[in-house]
Amino acid sequence: MSNNAVFSQRERNIIILLIVIVLGGILLYALKGIFGAILGTLVMYTLFRNLNRFLIEKWRWPKPLSAVVIIILSIFIIVLPFAGIGTMLVNKAIALQKNPAWINQLVDAVNTFVGDKFGKPDFLKEQLEASASYLGGLLTSILGGAANLFLEVTVMYFILYFLFVNYKGFENSLIHYMPFDDESAVVFGEELKNITYSNIIGQTFIAIVQGAFLSVGFLIFGAKDPLFWGVICAILSFIPLLGPPLIFVPASLILLSQGHTWEGIGLLIWGFGLVINIDNVLRLIIAKRIGDIHPVITVVGVIIGIPLFGIMGLVYGPLLLTYFLIAVRIYKANKRLSLKKQTLQDGQSL
């Protein structure tokens, strides 16, 4: 008896699909440690794709040379600044560990101020205890991601080199294996590009501007460490609306608790009146030009991304969630189109 008599074509297709799903699941499990590197590769490819094509197709550069130059350029633009920020944070953490007395003094000062004004002498202590568990887990996730960051960056650039060298084959393969028709695949790719530009370039620009203005506010109103807290604000600015107040509100309370009433009030007005609205204004401009990620999606994406990717979850989380929503939207559009075509065919057959 031949194999064709045992299984129909439909049954063979189902068996092959099951094999693909099982093997795909095994591969995904095996690659779980470098999900961040893979996602980072796709992000970097999207950001530098046009430059790579320009160097190869317009300037006639050899493909390996173009790939190496872009990788070196990206290291100077992206990796080294992040390394500098990481070094600053580590040095500050070491300084705080060596001299924790001033933290206790600030906590006591804020508790005294809030106790006098609002009748809650243990206000800051209660807030710290309430958030200690969550922040502890968050810090552990971030530090764990930082420990693996070097490996992920190495893997990312290794894959990225071969994608740049064989960019036509890579893009043709994506279109071929995507479960969309050619038109939907182009739309999907264009939306991915716009969202990636918006979140990486647009949000990074917003973060830098907000951090710079917060540093200026710290200088004007006499708060300590303006450069350091400006950098922290820039990092937290990836969480829209919620990030910057985590810096300037405690700083204002500290100024008020130390008797600097006008400085504390001024910093609050500066923060809520200027720093927060920088996000609102620039986000509208970016949305009109290249697209935008809704703030709710950004916040949910950050909550999802940090446990998965560490500190890079501030970027990868919202992107991953947005990519998923784009895929769902295109799937629904294709389904409606298929139903419309089927209805027209049924009408013609009648």
Protein backbone atom coordinates (compact mmCIF):
# COMPACT_ATOMS: atom_id res chain seq x y z
CA MET A 1 0.00 0.00 0.00
CA SER A 2 1.46 3.35 -0.99
CA ASN A 3 1.83 6.31 1.36
CA ASN A 4 -0.70 8.23 -0.77
CA ALA A 5 -3.39 5.68 0.10
CA VAL A 6 -2.76 6.03 3.83
CA PHE A 7 -2.87 9.85 4.07
CA SER A 8 -4.82 12.34 2.03
CA GLN A 9 -3.19 15.58 0.90
CA ARG A 10 -5.05 17.52 3.60
CA GLU A 11 -3.89 15.10 6.31
CA ARG A 12 -0.29 15.33 5.14
CA ASN A 13 -0.49 19.12 5.25
CA ILE A 14 -1.82 18.99 8.82
CA ILE A 15 1.00 16.65 9.90
CA ILE A 16 3.62 18.88 8.30
CA LEU A 17 2.08 21.93 10.01
CA LEU A 18 2.21 20.17 13.38
CA ILE A 19 5.88 19.29 12.81
CA VAL A 20 6.64 22.91 11.92
CA ILE A 21 4.83 24.16 15.05
CA VAL A 22 6.66 21.69 17.34
CA LEU A 23 10.08 22.45 15.85
CA GLY A 24 9.33 26.18 15.92
CA GLY A 25 8.38 25.95 19.59
CA ILE A 26 11.64 24.14 20.37
CA LEU A 27 13.63 26.77 18.50
CA LEU A 28 11.84 29.63 20.27
CA TYR A 29 12.55 28.02 23.64
CA ALA A 30 16.21 27.54 22.72
CA LEU A 31 16.51 31.17 21.62
CA LYS A 32 14.71 32.68 24.61
CA GLY A 33 18.00 33.95 26.05
CA ILE A 34 18.70 36.13 23.00
CA PHE A 35 15.22 37.45 22.22
CA GLY A 36 16.53 40.92 23.04
CA ALA A 37 19.42 40.50 20.58
CA ILE A 38 17.06 39.34 17.82
CA LEU A 39 14.63 42.20 18.40
CA GLY A 40 17.55 44.63 18.61
CA THR A 41 18.84 43.32 15.29
CA LEU A 42 15.49 44.01 13.60
CA VAL A 43 15.35 47.50 15.14
CA MET A 44 18.91 48.35 14.06
CA TYR A 45 18.31 46.95 10.57
CA THR A 46 15.19 49.11 10.23
CA LEU A 47 17.02 52.24 11.41
CA PHE A 48 20.04 51.82 9.11
CA ARG A 49 18.42 50.01 6.16
CA ASN A 50 18.18 53.08 3.93
CA LEU A 51 21.78 54.08 4.67
CA ASN A 52 23.00 50.58 3.80
CA ARG A 53 21.13 50.59 0.48
CA PHE A 54 22.41 54.10 -0.29
CA LEU A 55 26.05 53.17 0.31
CA ILE A 56 25.79 49.99 -1.77
CA GLU A 57 23.51 51.09 -4.60
CA LYS A 58 24.40 54.78 -4.96
CA TRP A 59 28.02 54.98 -3.86
CA ARG A 60 28.85 51.44 -5.05
CA TRP A 61 30.53 50.43 -1.81
CA PRO A 62 31.30 46.73 -1.31
CA LYS A 63 28.63 45.15 0.87
CA PRO A 64 31.01 44.05 3.67
CA LEU A 65 32.51 47.56 3.85
CA SER A 66 29.08 49.16 4.09
CA ALA A 67 28.06 46.75 6.86
CA VAL A 68 31.24 47.38 8.88
CA VAL A 69 31.00 51.18 8.54
CA ILE A 70 27.36 51.20 9.64
CA ILE A 71 28.12 48.95 12.61
CA ILE A 72 30.98 51.22 13.72
CA LEU A 73 28.76 54.29 13.24
CA SER A 74 25.96 52.74 15.30
CA ILE A 75 28.41 51.91 18.09
CA PHE A 76 29.43 55.57 18.35
CA ILE A 77 25.85 56.86 18.09
CA ILE A 78 24.04 54.31 20.26
CA VAL A 79 26.26 51.90 22.21
CA LEU A 80 28.90 54.28 23.58
CA PRO A 81 26.39 56.84 24.94
CA PHE A 82 24.51 54.01 26.69
CA ALA A 83 27.82 52.74 28.09
CA GLY A 84 28.60 56.24 29.39
CA ILE A 85 25.19 56.49 31.04
CA GLY A 86 25.64 53.05 32.60
CA THR A 87 29.05 54.05 33.98
CA MET A 88 27.55 57.22 35.47
CA LEU A 89 24.77 55.24 37.16
CA VAL A 90 27.20 52.66 38.55
CA ASN A 91 29.51 55.37 39.92
CA LYS A 92 26.55 57.14 41.53
CA ALA A 93 25.32 53.91 43.10
CA ILE A 94 28.80 53.24 44.52
CA ALA A 95 28.93 56.79 45.93
CA LEU A 96 25.52 56.35 47.57
CA GLN A 97 26.58 53.04 49.05
CA LYS A 98 29.69 54.62 50.56
CA ASN A 99 27.79 57.60 51.94
CA PRO A 100 24.13 56.68 52.68
CA ALA A 101 23.79 59.17 55.54
CA TRP A 102 22.47 61.98 53.34
CA ILE A 103 19.62 59.74 52.12
CA ASN A 104 18.46 59.23 55.70
CA GLN A 105 18.69 62.99 56.28
CA LEU A 106 16.53 63.67 53.21
CA VAL A 107 13.97 61.06 54.27
CA ASP A 108 13.78 62.61 57.74
CA ALA A 109 13.49 66.11 56.27
CA VAL A 110 10.66 65.14 53.90
CA ASN A 111 8.85 63.23 56.64
CA THR A 112 9.10 66.25 58.95
CA PHE A 113 7.81 68.61 56.24
CA VAL A 114 4.88 66.36 55.23
CA GLY A 115 4.10 65.65 58.87
CA ASP A 116 3.88 69.36 59.67
CA LYS A 117 1.81 70.22 56.59
CA PHE A 118 -0.44 67.17 56.23
CA GLY A 119 -0.26 65.36 59.56
CA LYS A 120 1.57 62.30 58.18
CA PRO A 121 5.00 62.13 59.85
CA ASP A 122 5.86 58.75 58.31
CA PHE A 123 4.67 59.63 54.81
CA LEU A 124 7.90 58.88 52.92
CA LYS A 125 8.64 55.81 54.99
CA GLU A 126 5.18 54.41 54.20
CA GLN A 127 5.59 55.10 50.50
CA LEU A 128 9.02 53.46 50.41
CA GLU A 129 7.75 50.37 52.23
CA ALA A 130 4.73 50.13 49.92
CA SER A 131 6.87 50.25 46.78
CA ALA A 132 9.95 48.38 48.05
CA SER A 133 8.83 44.98 46.83
CA TYR A 134 7.94 46.17 43.31
CA LEU A 135 11.04 48.33 42.92
CA GLY A 136 13.23 45.52 44.21
CA GLY A 137 11.93 43.16 41.56
CA LEU A 138 12.23 45.86 38.92
CA LEU A 139 15.84 46.62 39.89
CA THR A 140 16.71 42.93 39.83
CA SER A 141 15.27 42.61 36.32
CA ILE A 142 17.17 45.68 35.11
CA LEU A 143 20.48 44.53 36.61
CA GLY A 144 19.96 41.04 35.21
CA GLY A 145 19.37 42.51 31.77
CA ALA A 146 22.47 44.67 32.10
CA ALA A 147 24.56 41.60 32.94
CA ASN A 148 23.54 39.96 29.66
CA LEU A 149 23.73 43.15 27.61
CA PHE A 150 27.26 42.57 26.33
CA LEU A 151 26.35 39.11 25.00
CA GLU A 152 23.19 40.43 23.37
CA VAL A 153 25.03 43.32 21.70
CA THR A 154 27.67 40.91 20.35
CA VAL A 155 25.05 38.53 18.95
CA MET A 156 23.06 41.46 17.54
CA TYR A 157 26.00 42.85 15.57
CA PHE A 158 27.01 39.38 14.37
CA ILE A 159 23.55 38.81 12.88
CA LEU A 160 23.27 42.41 11.70
CA TYR A 161 26.46 42.16 9.63
CA PHE A 162 25.11 39.26 7.56
CA LEU A 163 21.70 40.94 7.16
CA PHE A 164 23.33 44.08 5.75
CA VAL A 165 25.57 42.06 3.42
CA ASN A 166 22.64 39.98 2.12
CA TYR A 167 19.90 42.59 2.49
CA LYS A 168 18.03 41.72 -0.71
CA GLY A 169 17.81 38.04 0.12
CA PHE A 170 16.72 38.83 3.67
CA GLU A 171 13.94 41.17 2.60
CA ASN A 172 12.72 38.84 -0.16
CA SER A 173 12.62 35.98 2.35
CA LEU A 174 10.58 38.06 4.76
CA ILE A 175 8.03 38.88 2.08
CA HIS A 176 7.95 35.25 0.91
CA TYR A 177 7.39 33.70 4.34
CA MET A 178 5.02 36.31 5.76
CA PRO A 179 1.42 35.04 5.92
CA PHE A 180 0.25 38.15 4.00
CA ASP A 181 -0.17 38.94 0.36
CA ASP A 182 2.46 41.22 -1.21
CA GLU A 183 0.42 44.39 -0.71
CA SER A 184 -0.23 43.65 2.97
CA ALA A 185 3.44 42.74 3.49
CA VAL A 186 4.49 46.15 2.12
CA VAL A 187 1.96 47.92 4.37
CA PHE A 188 3.16 45.88 7.35
CA GLY A 189 6.79 46.74 6.63
CA GLU A 190 6.04 50.44 6.21
CA GLU A 191 4.12 50.60 9.49
CA LEU A 192 6.90 48.75 11.30
CA LYS A 193 9.41 51.25 9.93
CA ASN A 194 7.34 54.28 10.98
CA ILE A 195 6.67 52.94 14.46
CA THR A 196 10.33 52.03 14.94
CA TYR A 197 11.44 55.49 13.83
CA SER A 198 8.85 57.08 16.11
CA ASN A 199 9.79 55.11 19.19
CA ILE A 200 13.57 55.06 18.74
CA ILE A 201 14.38 58.39 17.08
CA GLY A 202 11.32 60.36 18.15
CA GLN A 203 11.14 59.18 21.75
CA THR A 204 14.92 59.46 22.18
CA PHE A 205 14.75 63.07 21.02
CA ILE A 206 11.88 63.78 23.44
CA ALA A 207 13.82 62.14 26.27
CA ILE A 208 16.97 64.18 25.60
CA VAL A 209 15.02 67.46 25.46
CA GLN A 210 13.09 66.67 28.65
CA GLY A 211 16.26 65.63 30.47
CA ALA A 212 18.04 68.82 29.34
CA PHE A 213 15.20 71.09 30.47
CA LEU A 214 14.97 69.30 33.81
CA SER A 215 18.73 69.84 34.32
CA VAL A 216 18.23 73.54 33.57
CA GLY A 217 15.39 73.63 36.10
CA PHE A 218 17.58 72.01 38.73
CA LEU A 219 20.26 74.65 38.06
CA ILE A 220 17.78 77.54 38.23
CA PHE A 221 16.13 76.42 41.48
CA GLY A 222 19.25 75.15 43.23
CA ALA A 223 18.63 71.40 43.29
CA LYS A 224 21.68 69.14 43.54
CA ASP A 225 23.24 66.99 40.79
CA PRO A 226 21.42 68.56 37.79
CA LEU A 227 23.36 66.57 35.17
CA PHE A 228 22.84 63.22 36.87
CA TRP A 229 19.12 63.73 37.45
CA GLY A 230 18.71 65.07 33.93
CA VAL A 231 20.11 61.77 32.61
CA ILE A 232 17.77 59.79 34.91
CA CYS A 233 14.86 61.91 33.68
CA ALA A 234 15.82 61.19 30.05
CA ILE A 235 15.73 57.44 30.78
CA LEU A 236 12.40 57.63 32.60
CA SER A 237 10.96 59.84 29.84
CA PHE A 238 10.43 56.66 27.81
CA ILE A 239 7.45 56.23 30.17
CA PRO A 240 5.24 59.10 28.90
CA LEU A 241 3.81 61.56 31.46
CA LEU A 242 4.72 59.31 34.41
CA GLY A 243 8.53 59.34 34.10
CA PRO A 244 9.73 62.94 34.70
CA PRO A 245 7.52 63.58 37.79
CA LEU A 246 9.33 60.71 39.50
CA ILE A 247 12.36 63.04 39.48
CA PHE A 248 11.17 66.61 39.91
CA VAL A 249 8.36 65.98 42.42
CA PRO A 250 10.65 64.39 45.08
CA ALA A 251 13.27 67.08 44.35
CA SER A 252 10.63 69.78 44.95
CA LEU A 253 9.57 68.13 48.22
CA ILE A 254 13.19 68.05 49.33
CA LEU A 255 13.61 71.76 48.57
CA LEU A 256 10.39 72.55 50.44
CA SER A 257 11.46 70.41 53.41
CA GLN A 258 14.75 72.32 53.58
CA GLY A 259 12.94 75.66 53.78
CA HIS A 260 13.46 76.64 50.14
CA THR A 261 9.76 77.33 49.59
CA TRP A 262 9.88 79.41 46.41
CA GLU A 263 12.52 77.17 44.84
CA GLY A 264 10.43 74.05 45.55
CA ILE A 265 7.25 75.62 44.16
CA GLY A 266 9.18 76.97 41.17
CA LEU A 267 10.59 73.54 40.35
CA LEU A 268 7.09 72.02 40.53
CA ILE A 269 5.75 74.69 38.15
CA TRP A 270 8.77 74.19 35.87
CA GLY A 271 8.22 70.44 35.82
CA PHE A 272 4.47 70.33 35.29
CA GLY A 273 4.28 73.46 33.16
CA LEU A 274 7.26 72.91 30.87
CA VAL A 275 8.94 69.49 31.14
CA ILE A 276 5.69 67.50 30.94
CA ASN A 277 4.33 69.59 28.05
CA ILE A 278 7.51 69.06 26.03
CA ASP A 279 6.37 65.45 25.70
CA ASN A 280 2.86 66.48 24.62
CA VAL A 281 3.99 69.01 22.00
CA LEU A 282 6.84 66.99 20.47
CA ARG A 283 4.75 63.81 20.43
CA LEU A 284 2.10 65.56 18.32
CA ILE A 285 4.74 66.77 15.85
CA ILE A 286 6.29 63.29 15.60
CA ALA A 287 2.87 61.67 15.19
CA LYS A 288 2.10 63.91 12.20
CA ARG A 289 5.40 63.15 10.48
CA ILE A 290 6.23 59.49 11.12
CA GLY A 291 3.58 57.98 13.40
CA ASP A 292 3.26 57.52 17.13
CA ILE A 293 2.72 54.93 19.85
CA HIS A 294 -0.21 55.62 22.15
CA PRO A 295 0.93 56.43 25.73
CA VAL A 296 -1.17 53.56 27.14
CA ILE A 297 0.57 51.11 24.81
CA THR A 298 3.93 52.57 25.85
CA VAL A 299 3.23 52.15 29.57
CA VAL A 300 1.88 48.59 29.15
CA GLY A 301 4.82 47.78 26.86
CA VAL A 302 7.31 49.01 29.46
CA ILE A 303 5.64 46.87 32.13
CA ILE A 304 5.90 43.85 29.81
CA GLY A 305 9.34 44.69 28.43
CA ILE A 306 11.45 45.32 31.54
CA PRO A 307 11.06 41.79 33.00
CA LEU A 308 11.82 40.34 29.56
CA PHE A 309 14.64 42.59 28.33
CA GLY A 310 15.90 44.49 31.37
CA ILE A 311 16.61 48.19 30.88
CA MET A 312 16.16 47.80 27.10
CA GLY A 313 12.55 46.84 27.81
CA LEU A 314 11.86 50.58 27.95
CA VAL A 315 12.32 50.50 24.16
CA TYR A 316 11.66 46.90 23.16
CA GLY A 317 8.46 46.40 25.19
CA PRO A 318 6.36 49.11 23.50
CA LEU A 319 7.76 48.12 20.09
CA LEU A 320 6.92 44.46 20.56
CA LEU A 321 3.38 45.24 21.69
CA THR A 322 2.89 47.65 18.78
CA TYR A 323 4.20 45.12 16.25
CA PHE A 324 1.67 42.62 17.59
CA LEU A 325 -1.21 45.09 17.28
CA ILE A 326 -0.18 45.97 13.71
CA ALA A 327 -0.15 42.28 12.78
CA VAL A 328 -3.61 41.81 14.30
CA ARG A 329 -4.95 44.83 12.41
CA ILE A 330 -3.60 43.58 9.07
CA TYR A 331 -4.97 40.10 9.79
CA LYS A 332 -8.43 41.56 10.40
CA ALA A 333 -8.18 43.62 7.20
CA ASN A 334 -7.21 40.52 5.21
CA LYS A 335 -10.05 38.55 6.76
CA ARG A 336 -12.59 41.21 5.78
CA LEU A 337 -11.16 41.29 2.25
CA SER A 338 -11.37 37.50 1.97
CA LEU A 339 -14.99 37.49 3.15
CA LYS A 340 -15.81 40.24 0.63
CA LYS A 341 -14.21 38.27 -2.22
CA GLN A 342 -16.03 35.12 -1.13
CA THR A 343 -19.34 36.98 -1.06
CA LEU A 344 -18.74 38.33 -4.58
CA GLN A 345 -17.83 34.83 -5.86
CA ASP A 346 -20.95 33.35 -4.30
CA GLY A 347 -23.06 36.07 -5.89
CA GLN A 348 -21.51 35.45 -9.31
CA SER A 349 -22.05 31.69 -9.02
CA LEU A 350 -25.73 32.25 -8.29
